[in-house]
N, C-alpha and C. Protein backbone atom coordinates (compact mmCIF):
# COMPACT_ATOMS: atom_id res chain seq x y z
N MET A 1 0.72 -128.29 -37.03
CA MET A 1 0.16 -126.84 -37.10
C MET A 1 -0.30 -126.47 -38.41
N THR A 2 -1.44 -126.23 -38.49
CA THR A 2 -2.07 -125.75 -39.71
C THR A 2 -2.49 -124.39 -39.83
N TYR A 3 -2.16 -123.61 -40.80
CA TYR A 3 -2.61 -122.26 -40.84
C TYR A 3 -2.63 -121.94 -42.38
N ASN A 4 -3.37 -120.64 -42.57
CA ASN A 4 -3.50 -120.20 -43.86
C ASN A 4 -2.07 -119.53 -44.28
N GLN A 5 -1.36 -120.18 -45.17
CA GLN A 5 -0.04 -119.59 -45.55
C GLN A 5 -0.08 -118.57 -46.45
N THR A 6 -1.20 -118.27 -47.16
CA THR A 6 -1.23 -116.87 -47.92
C THR A 6 -1.34 -115.67 -47.09
N ASN A 7 -2.02 -115.78 -45.91
CA ASN A 7 -2.42 -114.61 -45.08
C ASN A 7 -2.21 -115.01 -43.61
N PRO A 8 -1.18 -115.53 -43.24
CA PRO A 8 -1.00 -115.99 -41.80
C PRO A 8 -1.21 -115.07 -40.66
N SER A 9 -1.24 -113.73 -40.91
CA SER A 9 -1.13 -112.77 -39.94
C SER A 9 -2.48 -111.80 -39.99
N GLY A 10 -3.37 -112.37 -40.78
CA GLY A 10 -4.72 -111.68 -40.87
C GLY A 10 -4.76 -110.42 -42.07
N PRO A 11 -5.81 -109.67 -41.88
CA PRO A 11 -6.90 -109.69 -41.03
C PRO A 11 -7.73 -110.97 -41.21
N ARG A 12 -8.20 -111.59 -40.03
CA ARG A 12 -9.05 -112.67 -40.16
C ARG A 12 -10.33 -112.64 -39.30
N LYS A 13 -11.32 -113.08 -39.86
CA LYS A 13 -12.46 -112.99 -39.31
C LYS A 13 -12.68 -114.35 -38.26
N VAL A 14 -12.89 -113.90 -36.93
CA VAL A 14 -12.97 -115.17 -35.96
C VAL A 14 -14.20 -114.69 -35.22
N GLY A 15 -15.19 -115.44 -35.41
CA GLY A 15 -16.61 -115.11 -34.75
C GLY A 15 -17.08 -113.81 -35.28
N LYS A 16 -17.31 -112.96 -34.42
CA LYS A 16 -17.78 -111.69 -34.60
C LYS A 16 -16.59 -110.58 -34.75
N LEU A 17 -15.55 -111.08 -34.52
CA LEU A 17 -14.30 -110.11 -34.45
C LEU A 17 -13.44 -110.31 -35.63
N THR A 18 -12.71 -109.25 -36.09
CA THR A 18 -11.81 -109.13 -36.94
C THR A 18 -10.57 -108.84 -36.44
N VAL A 19 -9.72 -109.90 -36.60
CA VAL A 19 -8.40 -109.79 -35.87
C VAL A 19 -7.21 -109.69 -36.80
N THR A 20 -6.24 -108.82 -36.46
CA THR A 20 -5.10 -108.74 -37.36
C THR A 20 -3.90 -108.78 -36.41
N MET A 21 -2.73 -109.42 -36.77
CA MET A 21 -1.48 -109.39 -36.17
C MET A 21 -0.56 -108.57 -36.89
N ASP A 22 -0.09 -107.53 -36.22
CA ASP A 22 0.93 -106.59 -36.89
C ASP A 22 2.28 -107.22 -36.75
N ARG A 23 2.81 -107.78 -37.87
CA ARG A 23 4.04 -108.47 -37.87
C ARG A 23 5.09 -107.55 -37.43
N ASN A 24 5.10 -106.34 -37.95
CA ASN A 24 6.16 -105.26 -37.57
C ASN A 24 6.30 -104.96 -36.13
N LEU A 25 5.32 -105.10 -35.42
CA LEU A 25 5.13 -104.84 -34.04
C LEU A 25 5.54 -106.20 -33.22
N CYS A 26 5.27 -107.34 -33.61
CA CYS A 26 5.23 -108.55 -32.92
C CYS A 26 6.70 -108.78 -32.68
N ILE A 27 6.91 -109.07 -31.28
CA ILE A 27 8.37 -109.50 -30.86
C ILE A 27 8.59 -110.92 -30.46
N GLY A 28 7.61 -111.66 -30.78
CA GLY A 28 7.68 -113.04 -30.26
C GLY A 28 7.69 -113.54 -28.97
N ALA A 29 6.99 -112.72 -28.25
CA ALA A 29 7.12 -112.92 -26.68
C ALA A 29 6.18 -114.17 -26.30
N ALA A 30 5.23 -114.51 -27.24
CA ALA A 30 4.44 -115.75 -27.14
C ALA A 30 3.31 -115.60 -26.01
N SER A 31 3.23 -114.45 -25.44
CA SER A 31 2.09 -114.27 -24.39
C SER A 31 0.87 -114.61 -24.83
N CYS A 32 0.59 -114.21 -26.23
CA CYS A 32 -0.74 -114.44 -26.95
C CYS A 32 -1.02 -115.87 -26.90
N ILE A 33 0.05 -116.81 -27.26
CA ILE A 33 -0.18 -118.27 -27.21
C ILE A 33 -0.52 -119.09 -25.90
N ALA A 34 0.20 -118.34 -24.84
CA ALA A 34 -0.21 -118.81 -23.54
C ALA A 34 -1.69 -118.52 -23.07
N VAL A 35 -2.27 -117.55 -23.49
CA VAL A 35 -3.56 -117.26 -23.41
C VAL A 35 -4.54 -117.99 -24.26
N ALA A 36 -4.26 -118.03 -25.50
CA ALA A 36 -5.18 -118.57 -26.70
C ALA A 36 -4.27 -119.60 -27.42
N PRO A 37 -4.00 -120.69 -27.04
CA PRO A 37 -3.02 -121.58 -27.82
C PRO A 37 -3.85 -122.02 -28.93
N LYS A 38 -5.07 -122.07 -29.15
CA LYS A 38 -5.84 -122.74 -30.24
C LYS A 38 -5.87 -121.55 -31.44
N THR A 39 -5.50 -120.31 -31.04
CA THR A 39 -5.38 -119.23 -32.01
C THR A 39 -4.10 -118.96 -32.58
N TRP A 40 -3.10 -118.90 -31.79
CA TRP A 40 -1.77 -118.40 -32.16
C TRP A 40 -0.72 -119.58 -32.08
N ALA A 41 0.36 -119.28 -32.94
CA ALA A 41 1.54 -120.11 -33.00
C ALA A 41 2.64 -119.22 -33.37
N LEU A 42 3.83 -119.60 -33.16
CA LEU A 42 5.10 -118.64 -33.68
C LEU A 42 5.50 -119.24 -35.08
N ASP A 43 5.79 -118.48 -36.05
CA ASP A 43 6.36 -119.08 -37.26
C ASP A 43 7.75 -119.15 -37.21
N ASN A 44 8.53 -119.50 -38.37
CA ASN A 44 10.07 -119.56 -38.29
C ASN A 44 10.69 -118.26 -38.09
N GLU A 45 9.88 -117.10 -38.11
CA GLU A 45 10.56 -115.75 -37.79
C GLU A 45 10.07 -115.30 -36.50
N ALA A 46 9.65 -116.21 -35.67
CA ALA A 46 9.32 -115.89 -34.21
C ALA A 46 8.13 -114.84 -34.37
N LYS A 47 7.23 -114.78 -35.40
CA LYS A 47 6.15 -113.97 -35.38
C LYS A 47 4.81 -114.81 -35.21
N ALA A 48 3.90 -114.02 -34.43
CA ALA A 48 2.61 -114.84 -34.17
C ALA A 48 1.76 -114.95 -35.58
N ILE A 49 1.23 -116.12 -35.74
CA ILE A 49 0.25 -116.31 -36.76
C ILE A 49 -0.82 -117.06 -36.32
N PHE A 50 -2.14 -116.87 -37.20
CA PHE A 50 -3.24 -117.54 -36.77
C PHE A 50 -3.16 -119.14 -37.09
N LEU A 51 -3.78 -120.00 -36.10
CA LEU A 51 -3.92 -121.29 -36.45
C LEU A 51 -5.38 -121.58 -36.99
N ASP A 52 -5.56 -122.51 -37.64
CA ASP A 52 -6.93 -123.03 -38.26
C ASP A 52 -7.84 -123.25 -37.23
N THR A 53 -7.46 -123.48 -36.10
CA THR A 53 -8.30 -123.73 -34.84
C THR A 53 -8.81 -122.58 -34.09
N ALA A 54 -8.41 -121.24 -34.70
CA ALA A 54 -8.85 -120.00 -33.95
C ALA A 54 -10.32 -119.98 -33.73
N GLU A 55 -11.11 -120.49 -34.57
CA GLU A 55 -12.62 -120.44 -34.27
C GLU A 55 -13.04 -121.31 -33.06
N GLU A 56 -12.31 -122.16 -32.46
CA GLU A 56 -12.62 -122.89 -31.33
C GLU A 56 -12.37 -121.99 -30.10
N GLU A 57 -11.78 -120.95 -30.21
CA GLU A 57 -11.47 -119.95 -29.01
C GLU A 57 -12.68 -118.92 -28.94
N SER A 58 -12.86 -118.56 -27.59
CA SER A 58 -13.91 -117.69 -27.46
C SER A 58 -13.55 -116.12 -27.93
N SER A 59 -14.36 -115.27 -28.23
CA SER A 59 -14.10 -113.88 -28.41
C SER A 59 -13.26 -113.38 -27.24
N GLU A 60 -13.74 -113.59 -26.08
CA GLU A 60 -13.19 -113.10 -24.88
C GLU A 60 -11.74 -113.58 -24.60
N THR A 61 -11.48 -114.88 -24.97
CA THR A 61 -10.11 -115.31 -24.97
C THR A 61 -9.26 -114.69 -26.01
N ILE A 62 -9.70 -114.43 -27.15
CA ILE A 62 -8.93 -113.74 -28.17
C ILE A 62 -8.54 -112.25 -27.79
N ILE A 63 -9.63 -111.57 -27.30
CA ILE A 63 -9.51 -110.34 -26.79
C ILE A 63 -8.24 -110.29 -25.56
N ASP A 64 -8.49 -111.30 -24.74
CA ASP A 64 -7.46 -111.48 -23.56
C ASP A 64 -6.16 -111.72 -24.11
N SER A 65 -5.97 -112.44 -25.18
CA SER A 65 -4.68 -112.72 -25.95
C SER A 65 -4.03 -111.39 -26.42
N ALA A 66 -4.92 -110.42 -27.01
CA ALA A 66 -4.34 -109.28 -27.33
C ALA A 66 -3.93 -108.48 -26.27
N LYS A 67 -4.74 -108.42 -25.19
CA LYS A 67 -4.29 -107.69 -24.03
C LYS A 67 -3.00 -108.08 -23.30
N ALA A 68 -2.75 -109.45 -23.66
CA ALA A 68 -1.61 -110.02 -22.95
C ALA A 68 -0.26 -109.60 -23.81
N CYS A 69 -0.45 -109.19 -25.00
CA CYS A 69 0.63 -108.82 -25.95
C CYS A 69 1.37 -107.57 -25.31
N PRO A 70 2.68 -107.80 -24.90
CA PRO A 70 3.43 -106.62 -24.52
C PRO A 70 3.57 -105.37 -25.45
N VAL A 71 3.44 -105.60 -26.73
CA VAL A 71 3.56 -104.50 -27.65
C VAL A 71 2.44 -104.21 -28.36
N ALA A 72 1.34 -104.59 -27.91
CA ALA A 72 -0.01 -104.39 -28.64
C ALA A 72 -0.08 -104.57 -30.07
N ALA A 73 0.49 -105.73 -30.49
CA ALA A 73 0.52 -106.24 -31.77
C ALA A 73 -0.61 -106.73 -32.48
N ILE A 74 -1.62 -107.15 -31.64
CA ILE A 74 -2.91 -107.66 -31.94
C ILE A 74 -4.04 -106.64 -31.99
N ILE A 75 -4.56 -106.38 -33.25
CA ILE A 75 -5.49 -105.32 -33.48
C ILE A 75 -6.95 -105.99 -33.53
N ILE A 76 -7.90 -105.68 -32.78
CA ILE A 76 -9.22 -106.22 -32.93
C ILE A 76 -10.21 -105.24 -33.24
N GLN A 77 -11.08 -105.67 -34.30
CA GLN A 77 -12.26 -104.74 -34.48
C GLN A 77 -13.32 -105.59 -34.41
N ASP A 78 -14.65 -104.80 -34.04
CA ASP A 78 -15.87 -105.51 -33.84
C ASP A 78 -16.57 -105.48 -35.07
N VAL A 79 -17.96 -106.09 -35.25
CA VAL A 79 -18.56 -106.27 -36.51
C VAL A 79 -18.78 -105.07 -37.41
N THR A 80 -18.77 -103.82 -36.74
CA THR A 80 -19.07 -102.55 -37.44
C THR A 80 -17.74 -102.06 -38.05
N GLY A 81 -16.73 -102.81 -37.71
CA GLY A 81 -15.22 -102.27 -38.01
C GLY A 81 -14.52 -101.41 -37.12
N LYS A 82 -15.31 -101.04 -35.94
CA LYS A 82 -14.90 -100.17 -34.90
C LYS A 82 -13.62 -100.93 -34.32
N GLN A 83 -12.42 -100.32 -34.08
CA GLN A 83 -11.32 -100.94 -33.32
C GLN A 83 -11.69 -100.96 -31.94
N ILE A 84 -11.70 -102.28 -31.23
CA ILE A 84 -12.06 -102.24 -29.78
C ILE A 84 -10.72 -102.61 -28.99
N TYR A 85 -9.71 -102.97 -29.67
CA TYR A 85 -8.38 -103.12 -28.87
C TYR A 85 -7.26 -103.09 -30.04
N PRO A 86 -6.16 -102.38 -29.83
CA PRO A 86 -5.84 -101.59 -28.51
C PRO A 86 -6.38 -100.20 -28.60
């Protein structure tokens, strides 16, 4: 598992999206991992973090992973900075 250790929860630019994992909201349900296993993993605190392979996932898959989160901890913005989810 390789990830950016200085900023594991973002914000991170993935394709045309800017994605942020709100560590305060994350409950470690891992539903994001089930949907986008190349983007997410759980760290030693059971919080979702970005993997370096996130770029291999489609924008649709990353948005779907955000929608799968039971606590809406994944915030997604488009290229203009407009929040598109949640």
